[in-house]
């Protein structure tokens, strides 16, 4: 028997199902974020947000990026990106460089120290995420959520 569909072609129960999934993702994300911040800060002196900004800069190397470009890549507003990039700059992991076409405009580039930090901290991040998802897979509250988030390959999302 097929599921009843609304005018958008989605199963009638899907919005409720997705909202239940979302209400489980948010606290799970918060737990992960807190744990990652704690581990990364203690081991590398950087939180997960600034580390993600550093990763954006590393991927642009040897080029540089405007604050707005970093913000878009991270899905945050310019003010949040600017704060994270300021932390990176104060720590010596990035530098502001003048834009060749307009000396008044600046862009952000990663330093060699920033690349070294990224290399070490990204390994820690990957390891901690693997451990966290392994633990969450066995937690009844999160089993379905983790299974859906950890799909591999080109497997289509399940309804």
N, C-alpha and C. Protein backbone atom coordinates (compact mmCIF):
# COMPACT_ATOMS: atom_id res chain seq x y z
N UNK A 1 0.85 -1.18 0.00
CA UNK A 1 0.00 0.00 0.00
C UNK A 1 0.89 1.24 0.00
N UNK A 2 0.53 2.22 -0.78
CA UNK A 2 1.35 3.43 -0.85
C UNK A 2 0.88 4.44 0.18
N UNK A 3 1.81 5.33 0.54
CA UNK A 3 1.51 6.38 1.51
C UNK A 3 0.66 7.46 0.86
N UNK A 4 -0.26 8.08 1.60
CA UNK A 4 -1.00 9.21 1.04
C UNK A 4 -0.05 10.39 0.85
N UNK A 5 -0.24 11.11 -0.22
CA UNK A 5 0.62 12.25 -0.53
C UNK A 5 -0.16 13.54 -0.50
N UNK A 6 0.53 14.60 -0.11
CA UNK A 6 -0.10 15.91 -0.19
C UNK A 6 0.22 16.51 -1.55
N UNK A 7 -0.13 17.79 -1.74
CA UNK A 7 0.04 18.41 -3.05
C UNK A 7 1.50 18.60 -3.44
N UNK A 8 2.43 18.52 -2.51
CA UNK A 8 3.84 18.68 -2.86
C UNK A 8 4.49 17.36 -3.23
N UNK A 9 3.75 16.26 -3.10
CA UNK A 9 4.28 14.97 -3.47
C UNK A 9 5.03 14.26 -2.36
N UNK A 10 5.08 14.83 -1.16
CA UNK A 10 5.74 14.18 -0.04
C UNK A 10 4.72 13.36 0.73
N UNK A 11 5.18 12.32 1.36
CA UNK A 11 4.27 11.52 2.18
C UNK A 11 3.66 12.41 3.25
N UNK A 12 2.40 12.17 3.56
CA UNK A 12 1.68 13.03 4.51
C UNK A 12 2.34 13.02 5.88
N UNK A 13 2.95 11.92 6.29
CA UNK A 13 3.57 11.85 7.61
C UNK A 13 4.99 12.40 7.63
N UNK A 14 5.59 12.67 6.50
CA UNK A 14 7.00 13.06 6.45
C UNK A 14 7.32 14.33 7.24
N UNK A 15 6.55 15.43 7.17
CA UNK A 15 6.93 16.60 7.95
C UNK A 15 7.00 16.32 9.45
N UNK A 16 6.06 15.52 9.96
CA UNK A 16 6.11 15.19 11.37
C UNK A 16 7.36 14.35 11.66
N UNK A 17 7.66 13.41 10.80
CA UNK A 17 8.84 12.57 10.96
C UNK A 17 10.11 13.41 10.93
N UNK A 18 10.21 14.32 9.98
CA UNK A 18 11.39 15.17 9.88
C UNK A 18 11.51 16.10 11.08
N UNK A 19 10.40 16.60 11.58
CA UNK A 19 10.47 17.47 12.75
C UNK A 19 10.92 16.69 13.99
N UNK A 20 10.49 15.43 14.10
CA UNK A 20 10.96 14.60 15.21
C UNK A 20 12.46 14.35 15.08
N UNK A 21 12.90 14.08 13.87
CA UNK A 21 14.33 13.88 13.63
C UNK A 21 15.11 15.14 13.99
N UNK A 22 14.60 16.28 13.57
CA UNK A 22 15.26 17.55 13.87
C UNK A 22 15.35 17.80 15.37
N UNK A 23 14.30 17.50 16.11
CA UNK A 23 14.33 17.73 17.56
C UNK A 23 15.34 16.81 18.25
N UNK A 24 15.73 15.75 17.59
CA UNK A 24 16.76 14.88 18.14
C UNK A 24 18.15 15.29 17.65
N UNK A 25 18.24 15.88 16.49
CA UNK A 25 19.53 16.33 15.95
C UNK A 25 20.07 17.51 16.76
N UNK A 26 19.22 18.45 17.11
CA UNK A 26 19.67 19.67 17.79
C UNK A 26 20.39 19.37 19.11
N UNK A 27 19.81 18.59 20.04
CA UNK A 27 20.56 18.31 21.26
C UNK A 27 21.81 17.47 21.00
N UNK A 28 21.74 16.57 20.02
CA UNK A 28 22.91 15.77 19.68
C UNK A 28 24.03 16.68 19.18
N UNK A 29 23.69 17.63 18.32
CA UNK A 29 24.68 18.57 17.81
C UNK A 29 25.27 19.38 18.96
N UNK A 30 24.44 19.81 19.87
CA UNK A 30 24.91 20.59 21.01
C UNK A 30 25.89 19.79 21.86
N UNK A 31 25.57 18.53 22.12
CA UNK A 31 26.49 17.66 22.87
C UNK A 31 27.82 17.51 22.15
N UNK A 32 27.76 17.25 20.85
CA UNK A 32 28.98 17.09 20.07
C UNK A 32 29.81 18.38 20.05
N UNK A 33 29.14 19.50 19.83
CA UNK A 33 29.82 20.79 19.78
C UNK A 33 30.55 21.07 21.09
N UNK A 34 29.89 20.84 22.19
CA UNK A 34 30.50 21.08 23.51
C UNK A 34 31.71 20.18 23.71
N UNK A 35 31.55 18.91 23.39
CA UNK A 35 32.66 17.95 23.56
C UNK A 35 33.82 18.32 22.65
N UNK A 36 33.55 18.62 21.39
CA UNK A 36 34.62 18.97 20.46
C UNK A 36 35.34 20.23 20.89
N UNK A 37 34.59 21.24 21.32
CA UNK A 37 35.22 22.48 21.81
C UNK A 37 36.16 22.18 22.97
N UNK A 38 35.70 21.37 23.90
CA UNK A 38 36.51 21.05 25.08
C UNK A 38 37.79 20.32 24.68
N UNK A 39 37.66 19.30 23.85
CA UNK A 39 38.83 18.50 23.46
C UNK A 39 39.79 19.32 22.61
N UNK A 40 39.28 20.02 21.60
CA UNK A 40 40.15 20.80 20.72
C UNK A 40 40.85 21.93 21.47
N UNK A 41 40.12 22.59 22.37
CA UNK A 41 40.73 23.68 23.14
C UNK A 41 41.82 23.15 24.06
N UNK A 42 41.57 22.03 24.71
CA UNK A 42 42.58 21.50 25.64
C UNK A 42 43.81 20.97 24.89
N UNK A 43 43.61 20.36 23.74
CA UNK A 43 44.75 19.76 23.02
C UNK A 43 45.46 20.72 22.07
N UNK A 44 44.68 21.66 21.49
CA UNK A 44 45.26 22.49 20.43
C UNK A 44 45.08 24.00 20.64
N UNK A 45 44.34 24.38 21.66
CA UNK A 45 44.14 25.80 21.92
C UNK A 45 43.20 26.50 20.96
N UNK A 46 42.28 25.73 20.36
CA UNK A 46 41.33 26.30 19.40
C UNK A 46 40.01 25.55 19.50
N UNK A 47 38.91 26.29 19.43
CA UNK A 47 37.59 25.69 19.45
C UNK A 47 37.18 25.22 18.06
N UNK A 48 36.05 24.53 17.99
CA UNK A 48 35.62 23.94 16.72
C UNK A 48 35.24 25.01 15.69
N UNK A 49 34.61 26.11 16.12
CA UNK A 49 34.23 27.16 15.16
C UNK A 49 35.43 27.80 14.49
N UNK A 50 36.38 28.32 15.27
CA UNK A 50 37.59 28.88 14.64
C UNK A 50 38.37 27.83 13.83
N UNK A 51 38.34 26.57 14.28
CA UNK A 51 39.03 25.54 13.51
C UNK A 51 38.39 25.36 12.14
N UNK A 52 37.06 25.42 12.09
CA UNK A 52 36.38 25.30 10.80
C UNK A 52 36.74 26.48 9.89
N UNK A 53 36.86 27.68 10.48
CA UNK A 53 37.28 28.85 9.71
C UNK A 53 38.71 28.66 9.20
N UNK A 54 39.56 28.11 10.04
CA UNK A 54 40.93 27.83 9.63
C UNK A 54 40.95 26.84 8.48
N UNK A 55 40.10 25.84 8.54
CA UNK A 55 40.01 24.86 7.46
C UNK A 55 39.62 25.49 6.14
N UNK A 56 38.72 26.46 6.18
CA UNK A 56 38.33 27.18 4.97
C UNK A 56 39.55 27.89 4.37
N UNK A 57 40.32 28.54 5.23
CA UNK A 57 41.51 29.26 4.75
C UNK A 57 42.56 28.29 4.20
N UNK A 58 42.72 27.15 4.86
CA UNK A 58 43.70 26.16 4.40
C UNK A 58 43.33 25.68 3.00
N UNK A 59 42.05 25.45 2.75
CA UNK A 59 41.61 24.98 1.44
C UNK A 59 41.81 26.03 0.36
N UNK A 60 41.90 27.30 0.73
CA UNK A 60 42.13 28.39 -0.23
C UNK A 60 43.61 28.64 -0.49
N UNK A 61 44.45 28.05 0.33
CA UNK A 61 45.88 28.31 0.24
C UNK A 61 46.41 27.95 -1.13
N UNK A 62 47.25 28.74 -1.76
CA UNK A 62 47.96 29.89 -1.23
C UNK A 62 47.18 31.19 -1.33
N UNK A 63 45.95 31.13 -1.74
CA UNK A 63 45.14 32.34 -1.87
C UNK A 63 44.64 32.85 -0.53
N UNK A 64 43.78 33.85 -0.61
CA UNK A 64 43.18 34.45 0.58
C UNK A 64 41.69 34.61 0.34
N UNK A 65 40.98 34.96 1.39
CA UNK A 65 39.52 35.10 1.28
C UNK A 65 39.06 36.33 2.04
N UNK A 66 37.95 36.88 1.58
CA UNK A 66 37.29 37.96 2.31
C UNK A 66 36.49 37.34 3.46
N UNK A 67 36.23 38.14 4.47
CA UNK A 67 35.44 37.67 5.61
C UNK A 67 34.10 37.12 5.14
N UNK A 68 33.45 37.81 4.22
CA UNK A 68 32.15 37.36 3.73
C UNK A 68 32.22 35.99 3.07
N UNK A 69 33.30 35.70 2.37
CA UNK A 69 33.47 34.39 1.74
C UNK A 69 33.60 33.28 2.77
N UNK A 70 34.35 33.56 3.83
CA UNK A 70 34.49 32.59 4.92
C UNK A 70 33.12 32.38 5.57
N UNK A 71 32.41 33.47 5.82
CA UNK A 71 31.08 33.38 6.44
C UNK A 71 30.15 32.51 5.61
N UNK A 72 30.13 32.73 4.31
CA UNK A 72 29.25 31.93 3.44
C UNK A 72 29.62 30.45 3.49
N UNK A 73 30.90 30.15 3.44
CA UNK A 73 31.33 28.75 3.46
C UNK A 73 30.96 28.06 4.77
N UNK A 74 30.98 28.83 5.86
CA UNK A 74 30.66 28.25 7.17
C UNK A 74 29.18 28.30 7.50
N UNK A 75 28.42 29.07 6.74
CA UNK A 75 26.99 29.21 7.03
C UNK A 75 26.73 30.06 8.25
N UNK A 76 27.58 31.07 8.48
CA UNK A 76 27.41 31.98 9.61
C UNK A 76 27.34 33.41 9.08
N UNK A 77 26.99 34.37 9.95
CA UNK A 77 26.97 35.75 9.50
C UNK A 77 28.38 36.33 9.51
N UNK A 78 28.54 37.48 8.87
CA UNK A 78 29.86 38.11 8.75
C UNK A 78 30.47 38.44 10.11
N UNK A 79 29.65 38.86 11.05
CA UNK A 79 30.14 39.21 12.37
C UNK A 79 30.75 38.00 13.08
N UNK A 80 30.08 36.87 13.00
CA UNK A 80 30.59 35.65 13.62
C UNK A 80 31.90 35.22 12.95
N UNK A 81 31.93 35.25 11.62
CA UNK A 81 33.15 34.90 10.90
C UNK A 81 34.28 35.85 11.26
N UNK A 82 33.98 37.13 11.37
CA UNK A 82 34.99 38.12 11.71
C UNK A 82 35.59 37.85 13.09
N UNK A 83 34.75 37.49 14.05
CA UNK A 83 35.25 37.15 15.40
C UNK A 83 36.17 35.94 15.35
N UNK A 84 35.77 34.91 14.63
CA UNK A 84 36.59 33.71 14.53
C UNK A 84 37.92 34.02 13.84
N UNK A 85 37.86 34.80 12.77
CA UNK A 85 39.07 35.13 12.04
C UNK A 85 39.98 36.04 12.87
N UNK A 86 39.39 36.90 13.68
CA UNK A 86 40.18 37.74 14.58
C UNK A 86 40.96 36.89 15.57
N UNK A 87 40.31 35.85 16.09
CA UNK A 87 40.99 34.94 17.01
C UNK A 87 42.15 34.25 16.30
N UNK A 88 41.93 33.82 15.08
CA UNK A 88 43.00 33.16 14.32
C UNK A 88 44.18 34.12 14.10
N UNK A 89 43.85 35.36 13.78
CA UNK A 89 44.90 36.35 13.53
C UNK A 89 45.68 36.65 14.82
N UNK A 90 44.99 36.84 15.93
CA UNK A 90 45.66 37.12 17.20
C UNK A 90 46.57 35.97 17.62
N UNK A 91 46.21 34.75 17.24
CA UNK A 91 47.01 33.58 17.59
C UNK A 91 48.14 33.31 16.60
N UNK A 92 48.20 34.08 15.52
CA UNK A 92 49.25 33.89 14.53
C UNK A 92 48.96 32.81 13.51
N UNK A 93 47.71 32.36 13.43
CA UNK A 93 47.34 31.31 12.50
C UNK A 93 46.81 31.85 11.18
N UNK A 94 46.58 33.14 11.12
CA UNK A 94 46.18 33.80 9.87
C UNK A 94 46.70 35.22 9.89
N UNK A 95 46.71 35.84 8.71
CA UNK A 95 47.13 37.24 8.58
C UNK A 95 46.18 37.95 7.62
N UNK A 96 46.06 39.24 7.81
CA UNK A 96 45.30 40.06 6.87
C UNK A 96 46.24 40.52 5.78
N UNK A 97 45.78 40.42 4.55
CA UNK A 97 46.58 40.86 3.41
C UNK A 97 45.77 41.84 2.59
N UNK A 98 46.45 42.81 2.01
CA UNK A 98 45.77 43.80 1.17
C UNK A 98 45.33 43.14 -0.14
N UNK A 99 44.18 43.53 -0.60
CA UNK A 99 43.66 43.06 -1.88
C UNK A 99 44.40 43.82 -2.96
N UNK A 100 45.02 43.14 -3.93
CA UNK A 100 45.85 43.83 -4.92
C UNK A 100 45.11 44.93 -5.71
N UNK A 101 43.83 44.73 -5.96
CA UNK A 101 43.06 45.69 -6.75
C UNK A 101 42.61 46.90 -5.94
N UNK A 102 42.53 46.74 -4.63
CA UNK A 102 42.03 47.81 -3.77
C UNK A 102 42.74 47.72 -2.44
N UNK A 103 43.72 48.56 -2.22
CA UNK A 103 44.53 48.50 -1.01
C UNK A 103 43.73 48.74 0.27
N UNK A 104 42.52 49.31 0.14
CA UNK A 104 41.69 49.54 1.32
C UNK A 104 41.02 48.25 1.80
N UNK A 105 40.84 47.31 0.89
CA UNK A 105 40.16 46.06 1.23
C UNK A 105 41.20 45.03 1.69
N UNK A 106 40.83 44.27 2.70
CA UNK A 106 41.73 43.21 3.17
C UNK A 106 41.08 41.86 3.03
N UNK A 107 41.94 40.89 2.94
CA UNK A 107 41.52 39.50 2.88
C UNK A 107 42.31 38.76 3.94
N UNK A 108 41.93 37.53 4.18
CA UNK A 108 42.57 36.74 5.23
C UNK A 108 43.27 35.55 4.57
N UNK A 109 44.52 35.29 5.00
CA UNK A 109 45.27 34.15 4.49
C UNK A 109 45.80 33.35 5.69
N UNK A 110 45.92 32.07 5.51
CA UNK A 110 46.44 31.20 6.56
C UNK A 110 47.96 31.31 6.59
N UNK A 111 48.54 31.21 7.77
CA UNK A 111 49.99 31.20 7.93
C UNK A 111 50.49 29.76 7.96
N UNK A 112 51.80 29.58 7.90
CA UNK A 112 52.36 28.23 8.01
C UNK A 112 51.99 27.61 9.36
N UNK A 113 52.00 28.42 10.41
CA UNK A 113 51.61 27.92 11.74
C UNK A 113 50.14 27.48 11.72
N UNK A 114 49.29 28.19 10.99
CA UNK A 114 47.89 27.82 10.87
C UNK A 114 47.71 26.49 10.14
N UNK A 115 48.50 26.28 9.10
CA UNK A 115 48.44 25.01 8.36
C UNK A 115 48.87 23.86 9.27
N UNK A 116 49.94 24.08 10.03
CA UNK A 116 50.41 23.04 10.95
C UNK A 116 49.35 22.72 12.00
N UNK A 117 48.73 23.77 12.55
CA UNK A 117 47.67 23.55 13.53
C UNK A 117 46.51 22.79 12.90
N UNK A 118 46.08 23.19 11.71
CA UNK A 118 44.99 22.52 11.02
C UNK A 118 45.28 21.04 10.85
N UNK A 119 46.50 20.72 10.43
CA UNK A 119 46.88 19.34 10.18
C UNK A 119 46.74 18.50 11.46
N UNK A 120 47.23 19.03 12.57
CA UNK A 120 47.14 18.29 13.83
C UNK A 120 45.70 18.24 14.35
N UNK A 121 45.06 19.39 14.40
CA UNK A 121 43.73 19.49 15.00
C UNK A 121 42.67 18.77 14.17
N UNK A 122 42.81 18.76 12.85
CA UNK A 122 41.84 18.06 12.00
C UNK A 122 41.87 16.56 12.28
N UNK A 123 43.05 16.02 12.56
CA UNK A 123 43.14 14.59 12.93
C UNK A 123 42.40 14.34 14.24
N UNK A 124 42.59 15.24 15.20
CA UNK A 124 41.87 15.11 16.47
C UNK A 124 40.37 15.21 16.24
N UNK A 125 39.95 16.17 15.43
CA UNK A 125 38.53 16.36 15.13
C UNK A 125 37.94 15.10 14.52
N UNK A 126 38.61 14.54 13.52
CA UNK A 126 38.10 13.32 12.88
C UNK A 126 38.00 12.17 13.87
N UNK A 127 39.04 12.00 14.68
CA UNK A 127 39.05 10.92 15.67
C UNK A 127 37.92 11.10 16.69
N UNK A 128 37.75 12.33 17.18
CA UNK A 128 36.69 12.59 18.17
C UNK A 128 35.30 12.41 17.57
N UNK A 129 35.12 12.80 16.32
CA UNK A 129 33.82 12.60 15.67
C UNK A 129 33.54 11.11 15.49
N UNK A 130 34.54 10.35 15.08
CA UNK A 130 34.36 8.90 14.96
C UNK A 130 33.95 8.29 16.29
N UNK A 131 34.66 8.65 17.35
CA UNK A 131 34.34 8.13 18.69
C UNK A 131 32.93 8.54 19.12
N UNK A 132 32.62 9.81 18.89
CA UNK A 132 31.30 10.31 19.31
C UNK A 132 30.18 9.59 18.57
N UNK A 133 30.33 9.42 17.26
CA UNK A 133 29.28 8.75 16.50
C UNK A 133 29.18 7.27 16.87
N UNK A 134 30.29 6.64 17.21
CA UNK A 134 30.24 5.26 17.68
C UNK A 134 29.42 5.17 18.96
N UNK A 135 29.66 6.09 19.90
CA UNK A 135 28.90 6.09 21.15
C UNK A 135 27.43 6.38 20.89
N UNK A 136 27.17 7.34 20.02
CA UNK A 136 25.77 7.71 19.75
C UNK A 136 25.02 6.61 19.02
N UNK A 137 25.72 5.81 18.23
CA UNK A 137 25.06 4.70 17.53
C UNK A 137 24.44 3.71 18.50
N UNK A 138 25.06 3.58 19.68
CA UNK A 138 24.53 2.61 20.65
C UNK A 138 23.55 3.25 21.63
N UNK A 139 23.34 4.54 21.53
CA UNK A 139 22.38 5.23 22.40
C UNK A 139 21.02 5.19 21.72
N UNK A 140 20.04 4.56 22.37
CA UNK A 140 18.72 4.39 21.76
C UNK A 140 18.10 5.70 21.28
N UNK A 141 18.37 6.80 21.99
CA UNK A 141 17.77 8.08 21.60
C UNK A 141 18.28 8.55 20.24
N UNK A 142 19.50 8.14 19.88
CA UNK A 142 20.15 8.71 18.70
C UNK A 142 20.45 7.70 17.60
N UNK A 143 20.14 6.43 17.80
CA UNK A 143 20.48 5.40 16.82
C UNK A 143 20.00 5.74 15.42
N UNK A 144 18.73 6.08 15.28
CA UNK A 144 18.17 6.38 13.97
C UNK A 144 18.79 7.65 13.38
N UNK A 145 18.99 8.65 14.20
CA UNK A 145 19.57 9.91 13.73
C UNK A 145 20.98 9.68 13.20
N UNK A 146 21.80 8.98 13.97
CA UNK A 146 23.18 8.73 13.57
C UNK A 146 23.21 7.89 12.30
N UNK A 147 22.36 6.89 12.22
CA UNK A 147 22.32 6.05 11.03
C UNK A 147 22.02 6.89 9.79
N UNK A 148 21.10 7.82 9.91
CA UNK A 148 20.76 8.67 8.77
C UNK A 148 21.87 9.65 8.44
N UNK A 149 22.56 10.16 9.46
CA UNK A 149 23.65 11.11 9.22
C UNK A 149 24.90 10.43 8.67
N UNK A 150 25.09 9.18 8.99
CA UNK A 150 26.31 8.47 8.61
C UNK A 150 26.15 7.61 7.37
N UNK A 151 25.12 7.85 6.58
CA UNK A 151 24.96 7.10 5.34
C UNK A 151 26.20 7.29 4.48
N UNK A 152 26.57 6.26 3.77
CA UNK A 152 27.72 6.36 2.88
C UNK A 152 27.29 6.12 1.45
N UNK A 153 28.15 6.54 0.55
CA UNK A 153 27.89 6.33 -0.87
C UNK A 153 26.76 7.21 -1.37
N UNK A 154 26.14 6.75 -2.43
CA UNK A 154 25.08 7.51 -3.08
C UNK A 154 23.71 7.05 -2.65
N UNK A 155 23.62 6.45 -1.48
CA UNK A 155 22.35 5.96 -0.98
C UNK A 155 21.38 7.12 -0.84
N UNK A 156 20.19 7.02 -1.44
CA UNK A 156 19.22 8.10 -1.31
C UNK A 156 18.68 8.19 0.11
N UNK A 157 18.27 9.39 0.53
CA UNK A 157 17.69 9.52 1.87
C UNK A 157 16.43 8.70 1.98
N UNK A 158 16.22 8.09 3.13
CA UNK A 158 14.99 7.32 3.33
C UNK A 158 13.89 8.27 3.77
N UNK A 159 12.64 7.95 3.46
CA UNK A 159 11.54 8.85 3.83
C UNK A 159 11.29 8.87 5.31
